[in-house]
N, C-alpha and C. Protein backbone atom coordinates (compact mmCIF):
# COMPACT_ATOMS: atom_id res chain seq x y z
N UNK A 1 -3.37 -1.68 -7.25
CA UNK A 1 -3.62 -0.34 -7.59
C UNK A 1 -4.83 0.36 -6.99
N UNK A 2 -4.70 1.55 -6.46
CA UNK A 2 -5.87 2.37 -5.92
C UNK A 2 -6.13 3.49 -6.74
N UNK A 3 -7.35 3.65 -7.05
CA UNK A 3 -7.92 4.73 -8.00
C UNK A 3 -8.83 5.71 -7.12
N UNK A 4 -8.61 6.85 -6.99
CA UNK A 4 -9.48 7.71 -6.09
C UNK A 4 -9.82 9.06 -6.92
N UNK A 5 -10.78 9.67 -6.39
CA UNK A 5 -11.44 10.92 -6.99
C UNK A 5 -10.38 12.09 -6.60
N UNK A 6 -9.98 12.21 -5.18
CA UNK A 6 -9.42 13.60 -4.63
C UNK A 6 -8.38 12.99 -3.79
N UNK A 7 -7.43 14.07 -3.33
CA UNK A 7 -6.39 13.88 -2.30
C UNK A 7 -7.31 13.47 -1.01
N UNK A 8 -6.60 12.66 -0.23
CA UNK A 8 -7.18 11.94 0.97
C UNK A 8 -8.17 11.03 1.08
N UNK A 9 -8.60 10.71 -0.17
CA UNK A 9 -9.69 9.58 -0.26
C UNK A 9 -9.02 8.38 -0.05
N UNK A 10 -7.98 7.96 -0.55
CA UNK A 10 -7.19 6.87 -0.40
C UNK A 10 -6.72 6.40 1.01
N UNK A 11 -6.30 7.70 1.72
CA UNK A 11 -5.81 7.57 3.17
C UNK A 11 -6.85 7.41 3.96
N UNK A 12 -8.14 7.88 3.75
CA UNK A 12 -9.28 7.75 4.70
C UNK A 12 -9.75 6.35 4.49
N UNK A 13 -10.09 6.00 3.32
CA UNK A 13 -10.89 4.59 3.32
C UNK A 13 -9.82 3.36 3.19
N UNK A 14 -8.46 3.48 2.83
CA UNK A 14 -7.55 2.34 2.62
C UNK A 14 -6.28 2.50 3.16
N UNK A 15 -5.99 3.68 3.84
CA UNK A 15 -4.56 3.88 4.43
C UNK A 15 -3.95 2.77 5.20
N UNK A 16 -4.56 1.97 5.87
CA UNK A 16 -4.06 1.24 6.68
C UNK A 16 -3.70 -0.10 5.72
N UNK A 17 -4.86 -0.47 4.91
CA UNK A 17 -4.50 -1.50 3.88
C UNK A 17 -3.29 -1.27 2.89
N UNK A 18 -3.18 0.06 2.62
CA UNK A 18 -1.95 0.31 1.59
C UNK A 18 -0.85 0.17 2.46
N UNK A 19 -0.68 0.72 3.73
CA UNK A 19 0.49 0.41 4.44
C UNK A 19 0.94 -1.01 4.71
N UNK A 20 -0.22 -1.62 5.01
CA UNK A 20 0.05 -3.32 5.16
C UNK A 20 0.55 -3.89 4.04
N UNK A 21 0.00 -3.63 2.86
CA UNK A 21 0.64 -4.17 1.64
C UNK A 21 2.01 -3.75 1.41
N UNK A 22 2.28 -2.48 1.48
CA UNK A 22 3.62 -1.90 1.25
C UNK A 22 4.56 -2.41 1.97
N UNK A 23 4.33 -2.57 3.29
CA UNK A 23 5.27 -3.01 4.24
C UNK A 23 5.35 -4.49 4.12
N UNK A 24 4.60 -5.35 3.39
CA UNK A 24 4.83 -6.63 3.13
C UNK A 24 5.62 -6.78 1.57
N UNK A 25 5.96 -5.66 0.99
CA UNK A 25 6.61 -5.90 -0.21
C UNK A 25 5.74 -5.81 -1.41
N UNK A 26 4.43 -5.51 -1.22
CA UNK A 26 3.62 -5.30 -2.47
C UNK A 26 3.76 -4.02 -2.97
N UNK A 27 3.97 -3.75 -4.30
CA UNK A 27 3.96 -2.65 -4.94
C UNK A 27 2.52 -1.94 -4.97
N UNK A 28 2.21 -0.73 -4.32
CA UNK A 28 1.13 -0.31 -4.48
C UNK A 28 1.18 1.32 -5.07
N UNK A 29 0.26 1.27 -6.40
CA UNK A 29 0.17 2.59 -7.00
C UNK A 29 -1.03 3.30 -6.80
N UNK A 30 -1.06 4.43 -6.36
CA UNK A 30 -2.29 5.29 -6.01
C UNK A 30 -2.47 6.39 -7.09
N UNK A 31 -3.60 6.46 -7.80
CA UNK A 31 -3.79 7.47 -8.77
C UNK A 31 -4.93 8.51 -8.12
N UNK A 32 -4.60 9.81 -8.15
CA UNK A 32 -5.50 10.72 -7.86
C UNK A 32 -6.05 11.25 -9.04
N UNK A 33 -7.28 11.52 -9.28
CA UNK A 33 -7.80 11.82 -10.46
C UNK A 33 -8.09 13.38 -10.55
N UNK A 34 -8.21 14.21 -9.50
CA UNK A 34 -8.55 15.42 -9.61
C UNK A 34 -7.88 16.17 -8.12
N UNK A 35 -7.67 17.58 -8.41
CA UNK A 35 -7.36 18.55 -7.33
C UNK A 35 -8.27 19.50 -7.11
N UNK A 36 -9.42 19.45 -6.31
CA UNK A 36 -10.33 20.49 -6.20
C UNK A 36 -9.87 21.93 -5.96
N UNK A 37 -8.85 21.92 -5.28
CA UNK A 37 -8.17 23.43 -4.90
C UNK A 37 -7.26 23.81 -5.72
N UNK A 38 -7.01 25.01 -5.91
CA UNK A 38 -6.17 25.62 -6.86
C UNK A 38 -5.23 26.78 -5.98
N UNK A 39 -4.18 27.32 -6.80
CA UNK A 39 -3.34 28.05 -5.95
C UNK A 39 -2.42 27.51 -5.00
N UNK A 40 -2.32 28.30 -3.83
CA UNK A 40 -1.44 28.00 -2.81
C UNK A 40 -2.19 26.64 -1.95
N UNK A 41 -3.49 26.61 -1.84
CA UNK A 41 -4.25 25.56 -1.35
C UNK A 41 -3.95 24.25 -1.98
N UNK A 42 -4.01 24.48 -3.39
CA UNK A 42 -3.74 23.06 -4.21
C UNK A 42 -2.33 22.73 -3.99
N UNK A 43 -1.31 23.58 -3.78
CA UNK A 43 -0.02 23.26 -3.59
C UNK A 43 -0.07 22.48 -2.51
N UNK A 44 -0.59 23.00 -1.17
CA UNK A 44 -0.58 22.39 -0.01
C UNK A 44 -0.95 21.01 0.01
N UNK A 45 -2.26 20.80 -0.59
CA UNK A 45 -2.78 19.42 -0.87
C UNK A 45 -2.04 18.46 -1.41
N UNK A 46 -1.35 18.99 -2.58
CA UNK A 46 -0.37 18.22 -3.26
C UNK A 46 0.85 17.75 -2.44
N UNK A 47 1.33 18.53 -1.74
CA UNK A 47 2.51 18.23 -0.66
C UNK A 47 1.93 17.28 0.27
N UNK A 48 0.69 17.47 0.84
CA UNK A 48 0.11 16.55 1.85
C UNK A 48 0.14 15.19 1.33
N UNK A 49 -0.35 15.23 0.04
CA UNK A 49 -0.52 13.74 -0.78
C UNK A 49 0.78 13.06 -0.97
N UNK A 50 1.71 13.93 -1.22
CA UNK A 50 3.14 13.27 -1.51
C UNK A 50 3.82 12.80 -0.14
N UNK A 51 3.60 13.56 0.89
CA UNK A 51 4.01 13.00 2.19
C UNK A 51 3.29 11.80 2.59
N UNK A 52 1.96 11.87 2.13
CA UNK A 52 1.14 10.69 2.62
C UNK A 52 1.65 9.42 1.76
N UNK A 53 2.01 9.70 0.66
CA UNK A 53 2.55 8.46 -0.16
C UNK A 53 3.97 7.85 0.48
N UNK A 54 4.75 8.95 1.04
CA UNK A 54 5.87 8.43 1.73
C UNK A 54 5.67 7.74 2.84
N UNK A 55 4.79 8.16 3.58
CA UNK A 55 4.36 7.68 4.94
C UNK A 55 3.70 6.10 4.78
N UNK A 56 2.96 5.96 3.72
CA UNK A 56 2.20 4.67 3.68
C UNK A 56 3.04 3.76 2.64
N UNK A 57 3.90 4.17 1.88
CA UNK A 57 4.69 3.59 0.96
C UNK A 57 3.84 3.26 -0.31
N UNK A 58 3.32 4.23 -0.98
CA UNK A 58 2.58 4.04 -2.26
C UNK A 58 3.12 4.90 -3.10
N UNK A 59 3.24 4.45 -4.56
CA UNK A 59 3.72 5.28 -5.71
C UNK A 59 2.56 6.28 -6.05
N UNK A 60 2.91 7.48 -6.22
CA UNK A 60 1.71 8.44 -6.43
C UNK A 60 1.72 8.58 -7.90
N UNK A 61 0.50 8.68 -8.55
CA UNK A 61 0.15 9.27 -9.84
C UNK A 61 -0.88 10.32 -9.76
N UNK A 62 -0.70 11.37 -10.63
CA UNK A 62 -1.59 12.39 -10.76
C UNK A 62 -1.79 12.37 -12.47
N UNK A 63 -2.69 11.68 -12.90
CA UNK A 63 -2.92 11.54 -14.49
C UNK A 63 -3.67 12.78 -15.04
N UNK A 64 -4.15 13.44 -14.23
CA UNK A 64 -4.67 14.79 -14.79
C UNK A 64 -4.31 15.82 -13.98
N UNK A 65 -3.38 16.06 -13.37
CA UNK A 65 -2.91 16.99 -12.55
C UNK A 65 -2.84 18.31 -13.23
N UNK A 66 -3.55 19.52 -12.67
CA UNK A 66 -3.40 20.58 -13.30
C UNK A 66 -4.52 20.87 -14.59
N UNK A 67 -5.14 19.83 -14.72
CA UNK A 67 -6.32 20.16 -15.77
C UNK A 67 -7.61 19.98 -15.48
N UNK A 68 -7.92 19.41 -14.31
CA UNK A 68 -9.25 19.24 -13.77
C UNK A 68 -9.46 19.36 -12.14
N UNK A 69 -10.43 20.16 -11.75
CA UNK A 69 -10.54 20.41 -10.50
C UNK A 69 -11.78 19.65 -10.09
N UNK A 70 -12.49 18.94 -10.72
CA UNK A 70 -13.56 17.86 -10.40
C UNK A 70 -13.44 16.68 -11.36
N UNK A 71 -13.72 15.56 -10.73
CA UNK A 71 -13.60 14.30 -11.81
C UNK A 71 -14.66 14.62 -12.93
N UNK A 72 -15.92 15.30 -12.60
CA UNK A 72 -16.72 15.50 -13.58
C UNK A 72 -16.37 16.33 -14.68
N UNK A 73 -15.41 17.15 -14.61
CA UNK A 73 -14.74 17.84 -15.74
C UNK A 73 -13.78 16.98 -16.71
N UNK A 74 -13.63 15.79 -16.25
CA UNK A 74 -12.76 14.96 -17.24
C UNK A 74 -13.71 14.63 -18.38
N UNK A 75 -14.99 13.99 -17.91
CA UNK A 75 -15.82 13.39 -18.97
C UNK A 75 -15.75 12.00 -18.88
N UNK A 76 -16.95 11.35 -18.98
CA UNK A 76 -16.83 9.80 -18.60
C UNK A 76 -16.03 9.01 -19.69
N UNK A 77 -16.09 9.32 -21.07
CA UNK A 77 -15.13 8.54 -21.97
C UNK A 77 -13.66 8.79 -21.56
N UNK A 78 -13.20 10.08 -21.41
CA UNK A 78 -11.93 10.43 -21.00
C UNK A 78 -11.59 9.60 -19.59
N UNK A 79 -12.69 9.73 -18.65
CA UNK A 79 -12.10 9.28 -17.35
C UNK A 79 -11.83 7.62 -17.62
N UNK A 80 -12.45 6.83 -18.34
CA UNK A 80 -12.38 5.48 -18.52
C UNK A 80 -11.06 5.33 -19.12
N UNK A 81 -10.89 6.14 -20.21
CA UNK A 81 -9.57 5.91 -21.05
C UNK A 81 -8.26 6.09 -20.06
N UNK A 82 -8.42 7.22 -19.05
CA UNK A 82 -7.33 7.38 -18.18
C UNK A 82 -7.13 6.06 -17.29
N UNK A 83 -8.20 5.57 -16.72
CA UNK A 83 -7.96 4.32 -15.92
C UNK A 83 -7.51 3.38 -16.85
N UNK A 84 -8.10 3.20 -18.13
CA UNK A 84 -7.53 2.00 -18.74
C UNK A 84 -5.79 2.12 -18.95
N UNK A 85 -5.39 3.46 -19.37
CA UNK A 85 -4.06 3.44 -19.29
C UNK A 85 -3.42 3.28 -18.21
N UNK A 86 -3.83 3.60 -17.10
CA UNK A 86 -3.20 3.34 -15.67
C UNK A 86 -3.06 1.61 -15.51
N UNK A 87 -4.16 1.04 -15.83
CA UNK A 87 -4.03 -0.35 -15.79
C UNK A 87 -3.20 -0.96 -16.67
N UNK A 88 -2.97 -0.52 -17.93
CA UNK A 88 -1.94 -0.89 -18.81
C UNK A 88 -0.59 -0.88 -18.42
N UNK A 89 -0.46 0.48 -17.63
CA UNK A 89 1.08 0.80 -17.16
C UNK A 89 1.48 -0.05 -16.03
N UNK A 90 0.49 -0.02 -15.00
CA UNK A 90 0.76 -0.72 -13.73
C UNK A 90 0.43 -2.12 -13.84
N UNK A 91 -0.30 -2.77 -14.67
CA UNK A 91 -0.78 -4.26 -14.74
C UNK A 91 -0.88 -4.84 -13.27
N UNK A 92 -2.02 -4.16 -12.43
CA UNK A 92 -2.27 -4.61 -11.26
C UNK A 92 -3.01 -6.04 -11.19
N UNK A 93 -2.86 -6.74 -9.95
CA UNK A 93 -3.89 -7.98 -9.84
C UNK A 93 -5.11 -7.55 -9.35
N UNK A 94 -5.26 -6.19 -8.60
CA UNK A 94 -6.56 -5.73 -8.04
C UNK A 94 -6.46 -4.40 -7.90
N UNK A 95 -7.70 -3.67 -8.09
CA UNK A 95 -7.92 -2.27 -8.10
C UNK A 95 -8.81 -2.10 -6.95
N UNK A 96 -8.40 -0.89 -6.13
CA UNK A 96 -9.33 -0.49 -5.09
C UNK A 96 -9.89 0.82 -5.50
N UNK A 97 -11.09 1.22 -5.45
CA UNK A 97 -11.52 2.37 -5.73
C UNK A 97 -12.87 2.70 -4.96
N UNK A 98 -13.52 3.64 -5.27
CA UNK A 98 -14.68 4.04 -4.44
C UNK A 98 -15.73 3.10 -4.63
N UNK A 99 -16.73 2.76 -3.80
CA UNK A 99 -17.97 2.09 -3.92
C UNK A 99 -18.78 2.57 -4.70
N UNK A 100 -19.41 1.78 -5.45
CA UNK A 100 -20.45 2.41 -6.53
C UNK A 100 -21.68 2.96 -5.88
N UNK A 101 -21.90 2.80 -4.64
CA UNK A 101 -22.96 3.50 -4.02
C UNK A 101 -22.63 4.50 -3.19
N UNK A 102 -21.33 5.12 -3.16
CA UNK A 102 -20.99 6.19 -2.62
C UNK A 102 -21.86 7.41 -2.69
N UNK A 103 -21.89 8.26 -1.64
CA UNK A 103 -22.89 9.27 -1.85
C UNK A 103 -22.28 10.54 -2.48
N UNK A 104 -20.82 10.63 -2.79
CA UNK A 104 -20.38 11.75 -3.48
C UNK A 104 -20.31 11.45 -5.11
N UNK A 105 -20.89 12.39 -5.60
CA UNK A 105 -20.85 12.19 -7.29
C UNK A 105 -19.57 11.83 -7.96
N UNK A 106 -18.55 12.51 -7.49
CA UNK A 106 -17.24 12.39 -7.89
C UNK A 106 -16.60 10.82 -7.71
N UNK A 107 -17.04 10.37 -6.62
CA UNK A 107 -16.80 9.13 -6.22
C UNK A 107 -17.61 8.02 -7.08
N UNK A 108 -18.79 8.21 -7.43
CA UNK A 108 -19.63 7.40 -8.13
C UNK A 108 -19.04 7.33 -9.70
N UNK A 109 -18.55 8.52 -10.16
CA UNK A 109 -17.95 8.49 -11.54
C UNK A 109 -16.57 7.76 -11.52
N UNK A 110 -15.91 7.96 -10.46
CA UNK A 110 -14.68 7.18 -10.36
C UNK A 110 -14.90 5.60 -10.48
N UNK A 111 -15.90 5.24 -9.57
CA UNK A 111 -16.25 3.71 -9.48
C UNK A 111 -16.60 3.19 -10.87
N UNK A 112 -17.54 3.86 -11.43
CA UNK A 112 -17.99 3.53 -12.80
C UNK A 112 -16.95 3.27 -13.77
N UNK A 113 -15.91 4.36 -13.81
CA UNK A 113 -14.85 4.39 -14.75
C UNK A 113 -13.89 3.25 -14.33
N UNK A 114 -13.68 2.85 -13.13
CA UNK A 114 -12.83 1.69 -12.63
C UNK A 114 -13.70 0.39 -13.28
N UNK A 115 -14.70 0.34 -12.89
CA UNK A 115 -15.53 -0.89 -13.40
C UNK A 115 -15.45 -1.08 -14.98
N UNK A 116 -15.59 -0.07 -15.80
CA UNK A 116 -15.45 -0.11 -17.03
C UNK A 116 -14.08 -0.36 -17.53
N UNK A 117 -13.10 0.00 -16.95
CA UNK A 117 -11.88 -0.21 -17.17
C UNK A 117 -11.32 -1.52 -17.12
N UNK A 118 -12.05 -2.32 -16.04
CA UNK A 118 -11.48 -3.62 -15.68
C UNK A 118 -12.40 -4.50 -16.43
N UNK A 119 -13.41 -4.22 -17.26
CA UNK A 119 -14.23 -5.11 -17.75
C UNK A 119 -13.56 -6.41 -18.76
N UNK A 120 -12.48 -6.07 -19.24
CA UNK A 120 -12.17 -7.05 -20.05
C UNK A 120 -10.65 -7.69 -19.48
N UNK A 121 -10.34 -7.39 -18.48
CA UNK A 121 -9.17 -7.93 -18.09
C UNK A 121 -9.19 -8.64 -16.56
N UNK A 122 -8.31 -9.45 -16.29
CA UNK A 122 -8.43 -10.22 -14.85
C UNK A 122 -7.77 -9.41 -14.01
N UNK A 123 -8.79 -8.50 -13.56
CA UNK A 123 -8.23 -7.59 -12.28
C UNK A 123 -9.42 -7.73 -11.15
N UNK A 124 -9.05 -7.93 -10.07
CA UNK A 124 -10.07 -8.05 -9.04
C UNK A 124 -10.51 -6.56 -8.62
N UNK A 125 -11.58 -6.18 -8.62
CA UNK A 125 -12.12 -4.96 -8.22
C UNK A 125 -12.80 -4.86 -6.91
N UNK A 126 -12.44 -3.95 -5.95
CA UNK A 126 -13.03 -3.81 -4.57
C UNK A 126 -13.51 -2.30 -4.38
N UNK A 127 -14.63 -2.21 -3.66
CA UNK A 127 -15.23 -0.84 -3.46
C UNK A 127 -14.81 -0.57 -2.05
N UNK A 128 -14.22 0.88 -1.85
CA UNK A 128 -13.92 1.13 -0.50
C UNK A 128 -14.95 1.82 0.18
N UNK A 129 -15.03 1.79 1.56
CA UNK A 129 -16.26 2.44 2.28
C UNK A 129 -16.19 3.85 1.99
N UNK A 130 -17.48 4.59 2.06
CA UNK A 130 -17.58 6.10 1.92
C UNK A 130 -16.92 6.67 2.86
N UNK A 131 -16.02 7.82 2.47
CA UNK A 131 -15.30 8.71 3.51
C UNK A 131 -16.15 9.41 4.59
N UNK A 132 -17.23 9.61 4.17
CA UNK A 132 -18.29 10.48 5.06
C UNK A 132 -19.15 9.63 5.92
N UNK A 133 -18.71 9.49 7.15
CA UNK A 133 -19.60 8.41 7.90
C UNK A 133 -20.98 8.83 8.32
N UNK A 134 -21.19 10.10 8.40
CA UNK A 134 -22.61 10.50 8.71
C UNK A 134 -23.47 10.78 7.59
N UNK A 135 -23.41 9.84 6.70
CA UNK A 135 -24.38 9.89 5.61
C UNK A 135 -25.11 8.41 5.41
N UNK A 136 -26.36 8.49 4.55
CA UNK A 136 -27.17 7.39 4.32
C UNK A 136 -26.05 6.35 3.73
N UNK A 137 -25.37 6.85 2.79
CA UNK A 137 -24.29 5.78 1.95
C UNK A 137 -23.66 5.00 2.90
N UNK A 138 -23.08 5.66 3.92
CA UNK A 138 -22.17 4.85 5.09
C UNK A 138 -23.11 3.73 5.59
N UNK A 139 -24.11 4.03 5.87
CA UNK A 139 -25.33 3.07 6.61
C UNK A 139 -25.56 1.90 5.65
N UNK A 140 -25.61 2.15 4.39
CA UNK A 140 -25.98 1.20 3.33
C UNK A 140 -24.80 0.33 3.07
N UNK A 141 -23.59 0.68 3.36
CA UNK A 141 -22.57 -0.04 2.77
C UNK A 141 -22.45 -1.34 3.47
N UNK A 142 -22.13 -2.47 2.73
CA UNK A 142 -22.17 -3.69 3.45
C UNK A 142 -21.24 -4.44 2.75
N UNK A 143 -20.00 -4.29 3.61
CA UNK A 143 -18.66 -4.94 3.24
C UNK A 143 -18.62 -6.52 3.27
N UNK A 144 -17.91 -6.97 2.47
CA UNK A 144 -17.72 -8.59 2.64
C UNK A 144 -16.12 -8.99 2.93
N UNK A 145 -15.24 -8.00 2.77
CA UNK A 145 -13.98 -8.00 3.02
C UNK A 145 -13.42 -7.06 3.99
N UNK A 146 -12.56 -7.73 5.21
CA UNK A 146 -12.03 -6.67 6.10
C UNK A 146 -10.71 -6.97 6.23
N UNK A 147 -9.96 -5.86 6.34
CA UNK A 147 -8.40 -6.00 6.46
C UNK A 147 -8.14 -5.40 7.85
N UNK A 148 -7.51 -6.33 8.57
CA UNK A 148 -6.90 -5.69 9.81
C UNK A 148 -5.85 -4.72 9.70
N UNK A 149 -5.88 -3.65 10.25
CA UNK A 149 -5.06 -2.53 9.99
C UNK A 149 -4.49 -2.10 11.47
N UNK A 150 -4.78 -2.87 12.48
CA UNK A 150 -4.36 -2.60 13.79
C UNK A 150 -2.89 -1.80 13.83
N UNK A 151 -2.04 -2.86 13.32
CA UNK A 151 -0.71 -2.55 13.32
C UNK A 151 -0.15 -1.30 12.61
N UNK A 152 -1.07 -0.90 11.61
CA UNK A 152 -0.77 0.32 10.69
C UNK A 152 -1.58 1.44 10.88
N UNK A 153 -2.28 1.44 12.05
CA UNK A 153 -3.13 2.54 12.40
C UNK A 153 -2.57 3.96 12.67
N UNK A 154 -1.30 3.88 13.31
CA UNK A 154 -0.38 5.01 13.46
C UNK A 154 0.05 5.49 12.20
N UNK A 155 0.64 4.85 11.40
CA UNK A 155 0.91 5.45 10.10
C UNK A 155 -0.19 6.14 9.47
N UNK A 156 -1.33 5.45 9.33
CA UNK A 156 -2.63 6.05 8.69
C UNK A 156 -2.84 7.33 9.31
N UNK A 157 -2.93 7.39 10.59
CA UNK A 157 -3.13 8.75 11.37
C UNK A 157 -1.86 9.72 10.77
N UNK A 158 -0.76 9.49 10.87
CA UNK A 158 0.10 10.33 10.37
C UNK A 158 -0.10 10.87 9.03
N UNK A 159 -0.47 10.00 8.06
CA UNK A 159 -0.85 10.33 6.69
C UNK A 159 -1.71 11.27 6.66
N UNK A 160 -2.75 11.15 7.53
CA UNK A 160 -4.04 12.00 7.42
C UNK A 160 -3.90 13.35 8.22
N UNK A 161 -3.11 13.49 9.11
CA UNK A 161 -3.09 14.63 10.15
C UNK A 161 -2.90 15.91 9.19
N UNK A 162 -2.11 15.91 8.43
CA UNK A 162 -2.12 17.40 7.62
C UNK A 162 -3.55 17.56 6.85
N UNK A 163 -4.18 16.57 6.41
CA UNK A 163 -5.50 17.02 5.78
C UNK A 163 -6.52 17.25 6.74
N UNK A 164 -6.24 17.35 8.13
CA UNK A 164 -7.21 17.73 9.15
C UNK A 164 -7.21 19.19 9.11
N UNK A 165 -6.34 19.99 8.69
CA UNK A 165 -6.17 21.40 8.87
C UNK A 165 -7.47 21.88 8.19
N UNK A 166 -8.01 23.30 8.78
CA UNK A 166 -9.00 23.92 8.20
C UNK A 166 -8.64 24.46 6.89
N UNK A 167 -9.57 24.69 5.83
CA UNK A 167 -9.21 24.95 4.32
C UNK A 167 -10.50 25.84 4.12
N UNK A 168 -10.51 26.88 3.40
CA UNK A 168 -11.53 27.63 2.90
C UNK A 168 -12.49 26.94 2.14
N UNK A 169 -13.90 26.94 2.38
CA UNK A 169 -14.74 26.38 1.36
C UNK A 169 -14.84 24.77 1.59
N UNK A 170 -14.37 24.22 2.52
CA UNK A 170 -14.35 22.98 2.67
C UNK A 170 -14.30 22.41 4.23
N UNK A 171 -14.96 21.58 4.38
CA UNK A 171 -15.21 21.07 5.77
C UNK A 171 -13.72 20.20 6.02
N UNK A 172 -13.37 20.48 7.41
CA UNK A 172 -11.89 19.84 7.69
C UNK A 172 -12.25 18.26 7.77
N UNK A 173 -11.15 17.55 7.52
CA UNK A 173 -11.27 16.01 7.76
C UNK A 173 -11.49 15.99 9.22
N UNK A 174 -12.38 15.17 9.59
CA UNK A 174 -12.65 14.65 10.99
C UNK A 174 -11.78 13.22 11.24
N UNK A 175 -10.72 13.59 11.95
CA UNK A 175 -9.90 12.04 12.19
C UNK A 175 -10.59 11.47 13.22
N UNK A 176 -11.24 11.95 14.19
CA UNK A 176 -12.03 10.94 15.06
C UNK A 176 -13.02 10.09 14.46
N UNK A 177 -13.63 10.72 13.30
CA UNK A 177 -14.77 9.97 12.62
C UNK A 177 -14.22 8.88 11.95
N UNK A 178 -12.95 9.25 11.29
CA UNK A 178 -12.30 8.02 10.49
C UNK A 178 -11.68 6.79 11.62
N UNK A 179 -11.21 7.34 12.54
CA UNK A 179 -10.72 6.20 13.50
C UNK A 179 -12.00 5.50 14.02
N UNK A 180 -13.12 6.30 14.40
CA UNK A 180 -14.33 5.52 14.73
C UNK A 180 -14.87 4.50 13.87
N UNK A 181 -14.82 4.74 12.52
CA UNK A 181 -15.09 3.68 11.49
C UNK A 181 -14.21 2.69 11.39
N UNK A 182 -12.94 2.90 11.78
CA UNK A 182 -11.89 1.84 11.71
C UNK A 182 -12.22 0.87 12.99
N UNK A 183 -12.38 1.52 13.93
CA UNK A 183 -12.77 0.68 15.13
C UNK A 183 -14.09 -0.26 15.00
N UNK A 184 -15.32 0.56 14.40
CA UNK A 184 -16.60 -0.05 14.14
C UNK A 184 -16.09 -1.35 13.24
N UNK A 185 -15.36 -1.34 12.06
CA UNK A 185 -15.23 -2.30 11.14
C UNK A 185 -14.27 -3.38 11.86
N UNK A 186 -13.41 -2.85 12.64
CA UNK A 186 -12.75 -3.96 13.60
C UNK A 186 -13.70 -4.76 14.36
N UNK A 187 -14.55 -4.20 15.10
CA UNK A 187 -15.47 -4.80 15.92
C UNK A 187 -16.26 -5.87 15.04
N UNK A 188 -16.48 -5.51 13.96
CA UNK A 188 -17.18 -6.50 13.06
C UNK A 188 -16.50 -7.72 12.67
N UNK A 189 -15.17 -7.64 12.54
CA UNK A 189 -14.37 -8.69 12.26
C UNK A 189 -13.35 -9.01 13.05
N UNK A 190 -13.61 -8.90 14.46
CA UNK A 190 -12.71 -9.29 15.57
C UNK A 190 -11.29 -8.82 15.76
N UNK A 191 -11.05 -7.64 15.32
CA UNK A 191 -9.95 -7.04 15.50
C UNK A 191 -10.17 -5.71 15.95
N UNK A 192 -8.99 -5.06 16.48
CA UNK A 192 -9.25 -3.58 17.10
C UNK A 192 -9.61 -2.66 15.95
N UNK A 193 -8.95 -2.74 14.82
CA UNK A 193 -9.27 -1.73 13.77
C UNK A 193 -9.23 -2.34 12.45
N UNK A 194 -10.11 -2.07 11.47
CA UNK A 194 -10.12 -2.69 10.47
C UNK A 194 -10.55 -1.59 9.17
N UNK A 195 -10.24 -1.97 8.07
CA UNK A 195 -10.91 -1.26 6.74
C UNK A 195 -11.69 -2.32 6.15
N UNK A 196 -12.72 -1.85 5.50
CA UNK A 196 -13.66 -2.83 4.74
C UNK A 196 -13.97 -2.44 3.20
N UNK A 197 -14.36 -3.49 2.56
CA UNK A 197 -14.62 -3.34 1.25
C UNK A 197 -15.51 -4.45 0.77
N UNK A 198 -16.34 -3.88 -0.35
CA UNK A 198 -17.20 -4.55 -1.06
C UNK A 198 -16.52 -5.21 -2.42
N UNK A 199 -16.63 -6.38 -2.62
CA UNK A 199 -16.20 -7.09 -3.77
C UNK A 199 -17.08 -6.86 -5.06
N UNK A 200 -16.45 -6.02 -5.96
CA UNK A 200 -17.21 -5.54 -7.13
C UNK A 200 -17.05 -6.63 -8.19
N UNK A 201 -15.82 -6.99 -8.41
CA UNK A 201 -15.64 -8.19 -9.11
C UNK A 201 -14.32 -9.03 -8.92
N UNK A 202 -14.59 -10.40 -8.79
CA UNK A 202 -13.26 -11.34 -8.29
C UNK A 202 -13.21 -12.21 -9.39
N UNK A 203 -11.83 -12.49 -9.56
CA UNK A 203 -11.33 -13.56 -10.62
C UNK A 203 -10.27 -14.70 -9.69
N UNK A 204 -10.55 -14.76 -8.51
CA UNK A 204 -10.08 -15.81 -7.77
C UNK A 204 -8.57 -15.58 -7.79
N UNK A 205 -8.07 -14.50 -7.72
CA UNK A 205 -6.57 -14.17 -7.72
C UNK A 205 -5.83 -14.31 -6.37
N UNK A 206 -6.32 -14.75 -5.38
CA UNK A 206 -5.94 -14.78 -4.00
C UNK A 206 -6.28 -13.80 -3.03
N UNK A 207 -7.29 -12.85 -3.35
CA UNK A 207 -7.85 -12.15 -2.36
C UNK A 207 -7.19 -10.81 -2.30
N UNK A 208 -7.59 -9.82 -1.64
CA UNK A 208 -7.04 -8.38 -1.40
C UNK A 208 -5.69 -8.43 -0.97
N UNK A 209 -5.21 -9.12 0.13
CA UNK A 209 -3.79 -9.11 0.59
C UNK A 209 -2.92 -9.66 -0.17
N UNK A 210 -3.40 -10.63 -1.23
CA UNK A 210 -2.40 -11.03 -2.27
C UNK A 210 -2.18 -10.16 -3.50
N UNK A 211 -2.90 -8.93 -3.55
CA UNK A 211 -2.82 -8.02 -4.60
C UNK A 211 -1.62 -7.56 -4.88
N UNK A 212 -1.04 -7.52 -6.26
CA UNK A 212 0.11 -6.72 -6.59
C UNK A 212 0.07 -6.08 -7.54
C-alpha cells in the first residue's frame, strides 16, 4: 500500500515501483490524503490521478476527498485513524509513504501518521525519496533499498505527463528533474533508472518487491 499527501506524490517517488509490482500481479492500493486544489483545477487533478492509477495499475483511494485541502487540516489524531482504517481494509505487507525527513510539512505529517498506524502490526514501512530534488532534504536522503524501474520508466512518464501542465499558484512538475533523480539512483545501484527508499521498519517479510 502507498500512502501519500497529494496527487502526483506517489507517481513522482514510486511510480516505477508501483508499475513493476502491479505488472507482476501484486495488488497495489494508493491512498491520497488531500487535494490542494478546488473547483475545476481540483477536478482536473482528480482525473489526472485516476488516469495515473490506470496507467500504473494501482487501486486509488481518496479517504478524505472533498474534506481537506491540506493534510494539516485533518489533524494528527484523525490522520492516524485514517491510515489505521486503510491498513485494516487493505491488510498490506508493506506501506510506502513519505520519508520522515522530507522537507514538505504535509509529507512529514503523513510519514508520522503511517509510522504510528503501523506500530502494532507486522507491516514493513518504507520512506520514499523527497519529490523536490533541489532541496536540502533530497541531499540528506540516504536510501538503503533501490528498485530497478528501467522497464517501467515509460509508464511512469505517461502517468506524470498531465501533472506537468502549468497551474495557477503552483510550480509545474519538472519531469526532467524526476527522470534525472531516477537516473541518479540508477547509477548508485547499477541500473539505468531506479527508485529508492529508506527502511523505516522491517519485519523480514521478503522485501519491498515481495510486498502484497
